């Protein structure tokens, strides 16, 4: 367990915070997915040791990303999330991408 903790502690990440405030969640998802893909490709070349995460509020995750169609997109694109309770300022869910071993 300590070994896993040490590996996790040394991981370098980049977090893109997304608000999803537009009237259309699909439009927000298109923008977020495009930005994620571009940022991920850029990091692969410039800082390959870093892993990119998308961060959203608990409300956004529950209202949008728990739906089957969005879950399909998350799995297809292997989108890693950090879900934050904004009021408490704490991480409530952390999903790791399939290409990272913890």
N, C-alpha and C. Protein backbone atom coordinates (compact mmCIF):
# COMPACT_ATOMS: atom_id res chain seq x y z
N UNK A 1 0.82 -1.19 0.00
CA UNK A 1 0.00 0.00 0.00
C UNK A 1 0.87 1.26 0.00
N UNK A 2 1.91 1.26 0.77
CA UNK A 2 2.80 2.42 0.82
C UNK A 2 3.44 2.66 -0.55
N UNK A 3 3.81 1.57 -1.23
CA UNK A 3 4.41 1.69 -2.55
C UNK A 3 3.44 2.36 -3.53
N UNK A 4 2.16 1.98 -3.50
CA UNK A 4 1.15 2.61 -4.36
C UNK A 4 1.00 4.08 -4.01
N UNK A 5 1.03 4.39 -2.72
CA UNK A 5 0.91 5.78 -2.29
C UNK A 5 2.07 6.59 -2.80
N UNK A 6 3.27 6.06 -2.74
CA UNK A 6 4.44 6.79 -3.20
C UNK A 6 4.39 7.03 -4.70
N UNK A 7 3.94 6.04 -5.46
CA UNK A 7 3.81 6.23 -6.91
C UNK A 7 2.76 7.28 -7.21
N UNK A 8 1.64 7.25 -6.49
CA UNK A 8 0.59 8.22 -6.70
C UNK A 8 1.07 9.62 -6.33
N UNK A 9 1.80 9.72 -5.26
CA UNK A 9 2.26 11.01 -4.80
C UNK A 9 3.22 11.66 -5.80
N UNK A 10 3.95 10.87 -6.54
CA UNK A 10 4.92 11.43 -7.47
C UNK A 10 4.33 11.72 -8.86
N UNK A 11 3.08 11.41 -9.07
CA UNK A 11 2.43 11.64 -10.35
C UNK A 11 2.25 13.14 -10.58
N UNK A 12 2.51 13.57 -11.80
CA UNK A 12 2.33 14.97 -12.17
C UNK A 12 1.07 15.07 -13.01
N UNK A 13 0.21 16.01 -12.65
CA UNK A 13 -1.04 16.15 -13.38
C UNK A 13 -1.25 17.60 -13.82
N UNK A 14 -2.14 17.75 -14.80
CA UNK A 14 -2.62 19.04 -15.24
C UNK A 14 -4.14 18.94 -15.17
N UNK A 15 -4.78 19.97 -14.62
CA UNK A 15 -6.23 19.94 -14.45
C UNK A 15 -6.87 21.07 -15.26
N UNK A 16 -7.83 20.69 -16.10
CA UNK A 16 -8.64 21.67 -16.83
C UNK A 16 -9.97 21.75 -16.11
N UNK A 17 -10.30 22.93 -15.60
CA UNK A 17 -11.55 23.13 -14.88
C UNK A 17 -12.64 23.53 -15.88
N UNK A 18 -13.74 22.80 -15.85
CA UNK A 18 -14.84 23.05 -16.78
C UNK A 18 -16.11 23.38 -16.00
N UNK A 19 -16.85 24.40 -16.47
CA UNK A 19 -18.03 24.85 -15.73
C UNK A 19 -19.35 24.31 -16.29
N UNK A 20 -19.44 24.04 -17.57
CA UNK A 20 -20.67 23.55 -18.20
C UNK A 20 -21.85 24.45 -17.84
N UNK A 21 -21.75 25.73 -18.21
CA UNK A 21 -22.80 26.70 -17.89
C UNK A 21 -23.64 27.09 -19.09
N UNK A 22 -23.28 26.63 -20.28
CA UNK A 22 -24.09 26.95 -21.46
C UNK A 22 -25.42 26.22 -21.40
N UNK A 23 -26.43 26.74 -22.09
CA UNK A 23 -27.74 26.08 -22.10
C UNK A 23 -27.68 24.64 -22.64
N UNK A 24 -26.73 24.37 -23.51
CA UNK A 24 -26.61 23.03 -24.09
C UNK A 24 -25.40 22.30 -23.51
N UNK A 25 -25.63 21.27 -22.68
CA UNK A 25 -24.51 20.48 -22.16
C UNK A 25 -23.70 19.82 -23.29
N UNK A 26 -24.37 19.51 -24.40
CA UNK A 26 -23.67 18.88 -25.52
C UNK A 26 -22.65 19.84 -26.13
N UNK A 27 -23.01 21.10 -26.24
CA UNK A 27 -22.07 22.11 -26.74
C UNK A 27 -20.87 22.22 -25.81
N UNK A 28 -21.15 22.28 -24.51
CA UNK A 28 -20.06 22.33 -23.53
C UNK A 28 -19.17 21.10 -23.64
N UNK A 29 -19.79 19.93 -23.85
CA UNK A 29 -19.00 18.70 -23.97
C UNK A 29 -18.13 18.73 -25.22
N UNK A 30 -18.66 19.20 -26.33
CA UNK A 30 -17.87 19.31 -27.56
C UNK A 30 -16.66 20.21 -27.33
N UNK A 31 -16.87 21.33 -26.70
CA UNK A 31 -15.77 22.25 -26.42
C UNK A 31 -14.75 21.61 -25.49
N UNK A 32 -15.24 21.00 -24.41
CA UNK A 32 -14.34 20.37 -23.44
C UNK A 32 -13.56 19.22 -24.06
N UNK A 33 -14.22 18.41 -24.87
CA UNK A 33 -13.55 17.28 -25.51
C UNK A 33 -12.49 17.76 -26.49
N UNK A 34 -12.81 18.78 -27.28
CA UNK A 34 -11.83 19.33 -28.21
C UNK A 34 -10.63 19.92 -27.49
N UNK A 35 -10.88 20.67 -26.43
CA UNK A 35 -9.79 21.25 -25.64
C UNK A 35 -8.97 20.15 -24.98
N UNK A 36 -9.65 19.12 -24.48
CA UNK A 36 -8.94 18.01 -23.84
C UNK A 36 -8.01 17.32 -24.83
N UNK A 37 -8.52 17.02 -26.01
CA UNK A 37 -7.71 16.32 -27.03
C UNK A 37 -6.50 17.15 -27.43
N UNK A 38 -6.70 18.44 -27.66
CA UNK A 38 -5.58 19.31 -28.05
C UNK A 38 -4.56 19.42 -26.92
N UNK A 39 -5.05 19.67 -25.71
CA UNK A 39 -4.14 19.79 -24.56
C UNK A 39 -3.39 18.50 -24.30
N UNK A 40 -4.09 17.38 -24.42
CA UNK A 40 -3.46 16.07 -24.20
C UNK A 40 -2.36 15.81 -25.23
N UNK A 41 -2.66 16.12 -26.49
CA UNK A 41 -1.64 15.95 -27.55
C UNK A 41 -0.44 16.86 -27.29
N UNK A 42 -0.70 18.09 -26.91
CA UNK A 42 0.37 19.04 -26.62
C UNK A 42 1.23 18.55 -25.46
N UNK A 43 0.59 18.07 -24.40
CA UNK A 43 1.34 17.56 -23.24
C UNK A 43 2.16 16.33 -23.59
N UNK A 44 1.63 15.49 -24.47
CA UNK A 44 2.35 14.29 -24.88
C UNK A 44 3.71 14.63 -25.48
N UNK A 45 3.78 15.76 -26.17
CA UNK A 45 5.02 16.19 -26.81
C UNK A 45 5.89 17.00 -25.86
N UNK A 46 5.28 17.91 -25.09
CA UNK A 46 6.05 18.84 -24.28
C UNK A 46 6.36 18.34 -22.87
N UNK A 47 5.41 17.63 -22.26
CA UNK A 47 5.59 17.14 -20.89
C UNK A 47 4.91 15.78 -20.74
N UNK A 48 5.49 14.75 -21.34
CA UNK A 48 4.82 13.45 -21.37
C UNK A 48 4.63 12.79 -20.00
N UNK A 49 5.31 13.29 -18.98
CA UNK A 49 5.15 12.71 -17.64
C UNK A 49 3.87 13.21 -16.96
N UNK A 50 3.24 14.21 -17.54
CA UNK A 50 2.03 14.78 -16.94
C UNK A 50 0.77 14.13 -17.51
N UNK A 51 -0.23 13.96 -16.65
CA UNK A 51 -1.52 13.41 -17.05
C UNK A 51 -2.57 14.50 -16.92
N UNK A 52 -3.38 14.65 -17.96
CA UNK A 52 -4.42 15.68 -17.99
C UNK A 52 -5.72 15.14 -17.42
N UNK A 53 -6.36 15.95 -16.57
CA UNK A 53 -7.66 15.62 -15.99
C UNK A 53 -8.64 16.76 -16.27
N UNK A 54 -9.91 16.40 -16.40
CA UNK A 54 -10.98 17.39 -16.46
C UNK A 54 -11.59 17.48 -15.07
N UNK A 55 -11.84 18.68 -14.62
CA UNK A 55 -12.46 18.86 -13.32
C UNK A 55 -13.81 19.54 -13.48
N UNK A 56 -14.83 18.96 -12.83
CA UNK A 56 -16.17 19.52 -12.84
C UNK A 56 -16.74 19.44 -11.44
N UNK A 57 -17.80 20.20 -11.22
CA UNK A 57 -18.46 20.16 -9.92
C UNK A 57 -19.27 18.87 -9.77
N UNK A 58 -19.60 18.56 -8.54
CA UNK A 58 -20.43 17.39 -8.25
C UNK A 58 -21.76 17.50 -8.98
N UNK A 59 -22.35 18.68 -8.96
CA UNK A 59 -23.64 18.89 -9.62
C UNK A 59 -23.55 18.62 -11.12
N UNK A 60 -22.52 19.16 -11.75
CA UNK A 60 -22.34 18.94 -13.19
C UNK A 60 -22.15 17.46 -13.49
N UNK A 61 -21.32 16.80 -12.71
CA UNK A 61 -21.06 15.38 -12.96
C UNK A 61 -22.35 14.57 -12.81
N UNK A 62 -23.10 14.82 -11.73
CA UNK A 62 -24.33 14.06 -11.48
C UNK A 62 -25.41 14.35 -12.51
N UNK A 63 -25.56 15.61 -12.91
CA UNK A 63 -26.62 15.99 -13.84
C UNK A 63 -26.30 15.63 -15.29
N UNK A 64 -25.04 15.65 -15.65
CA UNK A 64 -24.67 15.44 -17.05
C UNK A 64 -23.95 14.11 -17.27
N UNK A 65 -22.88 13.89 -16.55
CA UNK A 65 -21.99 12.78 -16.87
C UNK A 65 -22.43 11.42 -16.35
N UNK A 66 -23.48 11.39 -15.56
CA UNK A 66 -24.03 10.10 -15.12
C UNK A 66 -24.99 9.52 -16.15
N UNK A 67 -25.36 10.29 -17.16
CA UNK A 67 -26.27 9.80 -18.20
C UNK A 67 -25.52 8.85 -19.12
N UNK A 68 -26.24 7.83 -19.62
CA UNK A 68 -25.62 6.78 -20.43
C UNK A 68 -24.87 7.31 -21.65
N UNK A 69 -25.45 8.25 -22.37
CA UNK A 69 -24.80 8.76 -23.59
C UNK A 69 -23.46 9.42 -23.25
N UNK A 70 -23.43 10.17 -22.15
CA UNK A 70 -22.20 10.83 -21.75
C UNK A 70 -21.19 9.82 -21.21
N UNK A 71 -21.68 8.80 -20.50
CA UNK A 71 -20.79 7.74 -20.00
C UNK A 71 -20.10 7.04 -21.17
N UNK A 72 -20.84 6.83 -22.25
CA UNK A 72 -20.27 6.22 -23.44
C UNK A 72 -19.11 7.06 -23.98
N UNK A 73 -19.31 8.37 -24.04
CA UNK A 73 -18.27 9.27 -24.55
C UNK A 73 -17.06 9.28 -23.61
N UNK A 74 -17.32 9.31 -22.31
CA UNK A 74 -16.23 9.28 -21.33
C UNK A 74 -15.38 8.03 -21.51
N UNK A 75 -16.03 6.89 -21.64
CA UNK A 75 -15.30 5.62 -21.81
C UNK A 75 -14.58 5.56 -23.14
N UNK A 76 -15.24 5.98 -24.20
CA UNK A 76 -14.63 5.93 -25.53
C UNK A 76 -13.36 6.78 -25.60
N UNK A 77 -13.39 7.95 -24.99
CA UNK A 77 -12.25 8.86 -25.04
C UNK A 77 -11.35 8.76 -23.81
N UNK A 78 -11.68 7.83 -22.92
CA UNK A 78 -10.88 7.60 -21.70
C UNK A 78 -10.64 8.90 -20.93
N UNK A 79 -11.71 9.65 -20.72
CA UNK A 79 -11.58 10.94 -20.05
C UNK A 79 -11.46 10.76 -18.54
N UNK A 80 -10.36 11.19 -17.97
CA UNK A 80 -10.22 11.13 -16.51
C UNK A 80 -10.80 12.39 -15.87
N UNK A 81 -11.51 12.19 -14.77
CA UNK A 81 -12.18 13.30 -14.10
C UNK A 81 -11.73 13.47 -12.67
N UNK A 82 -11.77 14.71 -12.24
CA UNK A 82 -11.71 15.05 -10.82
C UNK A 82 -13.02 15.79 -10.55
N UNK A 83 -13.84 15.20 -9.69
CA UNK A 83 -15.14 15.78 -9.37
C UNK A 83 -15.03 16.45 -8.01
N UNK A 84 -15.43 17.72 -7.96
CA UNK A 84 -15.21 18.53 -6.77
C UNK A 84 -16.53 19.03 -6.18
N UNK A 85 -16.65 18.89 -4.86
CA UNK A 85 -17.73 19.53 -4.13
C UNK A 85 -17.27 20.97 -3.92
N UNK A 86 -17.86 21.88 -4.66
CA UNK A 86 -17.41 23.26 -4.68
C UNK A 86 -17.60 23.93 -3.32
N UNK A 87 -18.73 23.67 -2.67
CA UNK A 87 -19.00 24.29 -1.38
C UNK A 87 -17.98 23.87 -0.31
N UNK A 88 -17.66 22.58 -0.28
CA UNK A 88 -16.72 22.07 0.71
C UNK A 88 -15.27 22.16 0.25
N UNK A 89 -15.07 22.49 -1.04
CA UNK A 89 -13.74 22.57 -1.62
C UNK A 89 -12.96 21.27 -1.42
N UNK A 90 -13.63 20.15 -1.79
CA UNK A 90 -12.97 18.85 -1.65
C UNK A 90 -13.27 17.97 -2.85
N UNK A 91 -12.32 17.10 -3.14
CA UNK A 91 -12.49 16.14 -4.22
C UNK A 91 -13.38 15.01 -3.71
N UNK A 92 -14.44 14.70 -4.48
CA UNK A 92 -15.34 13.63 -4.09
C UNK A 92 -15.22 12.40 -4.99
N UNK A 93 -14.63 12.60 -6.16
CA UNK A 93 -14.44 11.47 -7.08
C UNK A 93 -13.23 11.77 -7.95
N UNK A 94 -12.42 10.73 -8.14
CA UNK A 94 -11.22 10.86 -8.95
C UNK A 94 -11.16 9.63 -9.83
N UNK A 95 -11.34 9.82 -11.13
CA UNK A 95 -11.28 8.67 -12.03
C UNK A 95 -9.95 8.68 -12.75
N UNK A 96 -9.32 7.56 -12.79
CA UNK A 96 -8.02 7.49 -13.46
C UNK A 96 -8.20 7.02 -14.90
N UNK A 97 -7.38 7.53 -15.78
CA UNK A 97 -7.44 7.06 -17.18
C UNK A 97 -6.94 5.62 -17.25
N UNK A 98 -7.39 4.93 -18.29
CA UNK A 98 -7.03 3.52 -18.42
C UNK A 98 -5.54 3.29 -18.64
N UNK A 99 -4.82 4.28 -19.11
CA UNK A 99 -3.40 4.09 -19.42
C UNK A 99 -2.48 4.41 -18.24
N UNK A 100 -3.02 4.66 -17.06
CA UNK A 100 -2.22 4.96 -15.87
C UNK A 100 -2.42 3.87 -14.84
N UNK A 101 -1.34 3.32 -14.36
CA UNK A 101 -1.43 2.32 -13.29
C UNK A 101 -1.15 3.00 -11.96
N UNK A 102 -1.99 2.68 -10.96
CA UNK A 102 -1.80 3.26 -9.63
C UNK A 102 -1.19 2.23 -8.73
